[in-house]
Protein backbone atom coordinates (compact mmCIF):
# COMPACT_ATOMS: atom_id res chain seq x y z
CA MET A 1 127.16 -37.81 72.36
CA SER A 2 129.07 -34.56 72.04
CA HIS A 3 130.13 -32.35 74.91
CA THR A 4 128.88 -28.84 75.42
CA ASP A 5 131.18 -25.88 75.96
CA GLY A 6 132.87 -27.72 78.81
CA SER A 7 130.87 -26.06 81.59
CA LEU A 8 129.31 -29.43 82.40
CA PRO A 9 131.21 -32.70 82.42
CA PHE A 10 128.30 -34.69 80.97
CA PRO A 11 127.15 -35.23 77.40
CA ASP A 12 124.97 -32.58 75.77
CA GLY A 13 124.27 -30.70 79.01
CA PHE A 14 122.64 -33.65 80.80
CA THR A 15 123.13 -33.97 84.56
CA TYR A 16 124.34 -37.56 84.41
CA GLU A 17 126.86 -39.55 82.42
CA ALA A 18 125.02 -42.69 81.28
CA VAL A 19 122.86 -40.96 78.65
CA GLY A 20 120.70 -43.53 76.85
CA ALA A 21 121.10 -46.29 79.42
CA THR A 22 117.34 -46.84 79.67
CA HIS A 23 117.36 -48.05 76.06
CA GLU A 24 119.05 -51.23 77.23
CA GLY A 25 117.27 -51.24 80.61
CA HIS A 26 120.52 -50.47 82.39
CA CYS A 27 120.64 -48.79 85.81
CA PRO A 28 124.04 -47.19 86.42
CA PRO A 29 125.74 -47.65 89.80
CA GLY A 30 124.62 -45.08 92.42
CA PHE A 31 121.14 -44.62 90.92
CA ASN A 32 117.78 -46.05 92.04
CA PRO A 33 116.06 -48.20 89.43
CA LEU A 34 112.35 -48.07 88.59
CA HIS A 35 110.40 -50.55 86.46
CA VAL A 36 106.59 -50.48 86.32
CA ARG A 37 104.60 -52.40 83.70
CA THR A 38 100.83 -51.91 83.24
CA ARG A 39 98.46 -53.75 80.98
CA ILE A 40 96.61 -51.27 78.74
CA GLY A 41 94.39 -53.55 76.68
CA GLU A 42 94.50 -55.69 73.54
CA GLY A 43 94.84 -55.28 69.83
CA VAL A 44 96.32 -53.07 67.16
CA ASP A 45 93.87 -50.20 67.68
CA VAL A 46 94.68 -50.01 71.39
CA PHE A 47 98.40 -50.17 70.61
CA GLU A 48 98.21 -47.33 68.06
CA ARG A 49 96.07 -45.12 70.36
CA ALA A 50 98.37 -45.77 73.31
CA ALA A 51 101.52 -45.08 71.29
CA HIS A 52 100.10 -41.80 69.90
CA THR A 53 98.99 -40.75 73.39
CA VAL A 54 102.46 -41.33 74.82
CA LEU A 55 104.43 -39.84 71.89
CA THR A 56 102.37 -36.59 71.80
CA TRP A 57 102.61 -35.85 75.58
CA GLU A 58 98.82 -36.42 75.91
CA MET A 59 99.23 -39.04 78.63
CA HIS A 60 101.30 -36.62 80.74
CA ARG A 61 98.88 -33.74 80.21
CA ALA A 62 95.90 -35.98 81.15
CA MET A 63 97.67 -36.71 84.44
CA GLY A 64 97.55 -33.01 85.26
CA VAL A 65 101.27 -32.55 84.66
CA GLY A 66 102.32 -29.39 82.90
CA ILE A 67 104.24 -30.05 79.72
CA GLN A 68 106.13 -27.50 77.65
CA ALA A 69 107.85 -29.15 74.72
CA SER A 70 109.84 -27.75 71.81
CA ALA A 71 107.96 -30.10 69.44
CA PRO A 72 104.46 -31.61 69.30
CA GLU A 73 105.86 -35.16 69.42
CA ALA A 74 108.76 -36.84 71.16
CA SER A 75 111.95 -37.12 69.12
CA PRO A 76 115.63 -37.03 70.05
CA GLY A 77 116.77 -33.56 71.05
CA VAL A 78 113.29 -32.23 71.94
CA ASP A 79 113.43 -30.17 75.13
CA VAL A 80 110.61 -30.77 77.61
CA THR A 81 109.87 -29.00 80.85
CA VAL A 82 107.58 -30.91 83.18
CA THR A 83 105.82 -28.85 85.84
CA LEU A 84 104.64 -30.74 88.90
CA ALA A 85 102.03 -29.32 91.30
CA GLY A 86 102.33 -26.02 89.50
CA LEU A 87 105.56 -25.34 91.40
CA ILE A 88 108.37 -27.72 90.54
CA LYS A 89 109.88 -27.27 87.09
CA ALA A 90 111.80 -30.24 85.73
CA PRO A 91 113.77 -29.60 82.51
CA CYS A 92 114.51 -32.65 80.38
CA ARG A 93 115.56 -33.56 76.86
CA VAL A 94 114.42 -36.54 74.80
CA VAL A 95 117.37 -38.92 74.54
CA TRP A 96 115.99 -41.60 72.25
CA THR A 97 112.81 -42.83 70.63
CA VAL A 98 111.67 -46.19 69.30
CA ASN A 99 109.19 -46.60 66.46
CA GLU A 100 108.78 -50.26 65.62
CA PRO A 101 105.67 -52.13 64.49
CA ARG A 102 105.09 -53.54 68.00
CA ARG A 103 107.08 -51.13 70.18
CA LYS A 104 106.91 -47.32 70.36
CA GLY A 105 108.00 -44.74 72.89
CA TRP A 106 110.74 -42.52 74.14
CA ALA A 107 113.03 -41.58 77.01
CA TYR A 108 114.13 -38.28 78.42
CA GLY A 109 117.06 -37.30 80.58
CA THR A 110 117.41 -34.61 83.17
CA LEU A 111 118.96 -31.23 82.53
CA PRO A 112 120.31 -28.66 85.04
CA GLY A 113 117.51 -27.42 87.30
CA HIS A 114 115.67 -30.77 87.48
CA PRO A 115 115.12 -31.94 91.09
CA GLU A 116 116.32 -35.42 90.13
CA CYS A 117 119.23 -36.67 88.11
CA GLY A 118 118.67 -39.52 85.65
CA GLU A 119 116.53 -40.85 82.84
CA GLU A 120 113.00 -42.14 82.33
CA ALA A 121 111.49 -44.14 79.45
CA PHE A 122 107.85 -44.62 78.44
CA ILE A 123 107.39 -47.60 76.12
CA VAL A 124 104.18 -49.05 74.66
CA ASP A 125 104.54 -52.56 73.31
CA ARG A 126 102.22 -55.22 71.89
CA THR A 127 103.20 -58.75 72.77
CA GLY A 128 102.74 -61.84 70.61
CA ASP A 129 99.28 -62.50 72.00
CA GLY A 130 98.19 -58.92 71.19
CA THR A 131 98.29 -57.59 74.75
CA VAL A 132 99.32 -53.93 74.95
CA TRP A 133 101.54 -52.81 77.83
CA LEU A 134 103.03 -49.56 79.06
CA THR A 135 106.44 -49.97 80.67
CA VAL A 136 107.97 -47.06 82.58
CA THR A 137 111.65 -47.61 83.24
CA ALA A 138 113.92 -45.15 84.99
CA PHE A 139 117.04 -44.61 87.03
CA SER A 140 117.44 -41.58 89.26
CA ARG A 141 118.91 -40.02 92.33
CA GLY A 142 118.16 -36.71 94.02
CA ALA A 143 119.81 -33.65 92.53
CA LYS A 144 118.22 -30.92 94.68
CA TRP A 145 118.37 -31.00 98.48
CA TYR A 146 114.63 -31.65 98.85
CA ALA A 147 114.72 -34.63 96.47
CA ARG A 148 117.69 -36.08 98.36
CA ALA A 149 116.05 -35.42 101.73
CA GLY A 150 112.90 -37.24 100.59
CA GLY A 151 114.83 -40.52 100.24
CA ALA A 152 112.46 -43.50 100.19
CA ALA A 153 109.40 -41.22 100.11
CA THR A 154 110.66 -39.62 96.90
CA ARG A 155 111.15 -43.08 95.36
CA GLY A 156 107.64 -44.05 96.51
CA LEU A 157 106.22 -41.00 94.74
CA GLN A 158 108.12 -41.93 91.58
CA HIS A 159 106.62 -45.43 91.64
CA ALA A 160 103.14 -43.99 92.25
CA TYR A 161 103.63 -41.62 89.30
CA ALA A 162 104.67 -44.54 87.05
CA ARG A 163 101.63 -46.59 88.12
CA ARG A 164 99.38 -43.56 87.49
CA CYS A 165 100.83 -43.27 83.96
CA GLY A 166 99.47 -46.79 83.26
CA VAL A 167 96.06 -46.07 84.77
CA VAL A 168 95.66 -42.86 82.78
CA LEU A 169 96.89 -44.45 79.56
CA ARG A 170 94.51 -47.38 79.97
CA ARG A 171 91.61 -44.87 80.40
CA LEU A 172 92.69 -42.84 77.32
CA ALA A 173 93.68 -45.64 74.93
CA GLY A 174 92.39 -48.94 76.29
CA ASP A 175 89.58 -50.97 74.78
CA PRO A 176 86.31 -49.28 75.84
CA LYS A 177 84.65 -52.75 75.98
CA GLU A 178 86.98 -53.85 78.79
């Protein structure tokens, strides 16, 4: 990753150093890990619907989260601003994507102004038996005073958000017969 004009010590304007660490499932020292896996359904059709729903921001929008993205689909370098509760703006940038026959998704990292510091990945995969899963993996720590003050409560909200991603994706893309 290249450095910006030197005003920030981190790659490409991100607010943390370990850009891309979620790709390998790595949680850097000093960050809180998150890993939530939810069964979405079974089969190729469910996998393709789920992957499309995640890659096009549809899952996030269906959760009631505001999404402003510089492209209609996740790809490296796309800037995304997530708005929570209509008040909290969280600027991010897509760090990496994966587009394999049985695994699709992306991760974004935090930019200046985000209440947290870290990275979050949303991956849809289809296992050998055909089961489709959403895995949300992240590492973070508070960047703004209110995120730091929230401590364990903030982490609890992050886990609840990740679980809700799975519930919403299952509703949008899961097998309607299930």
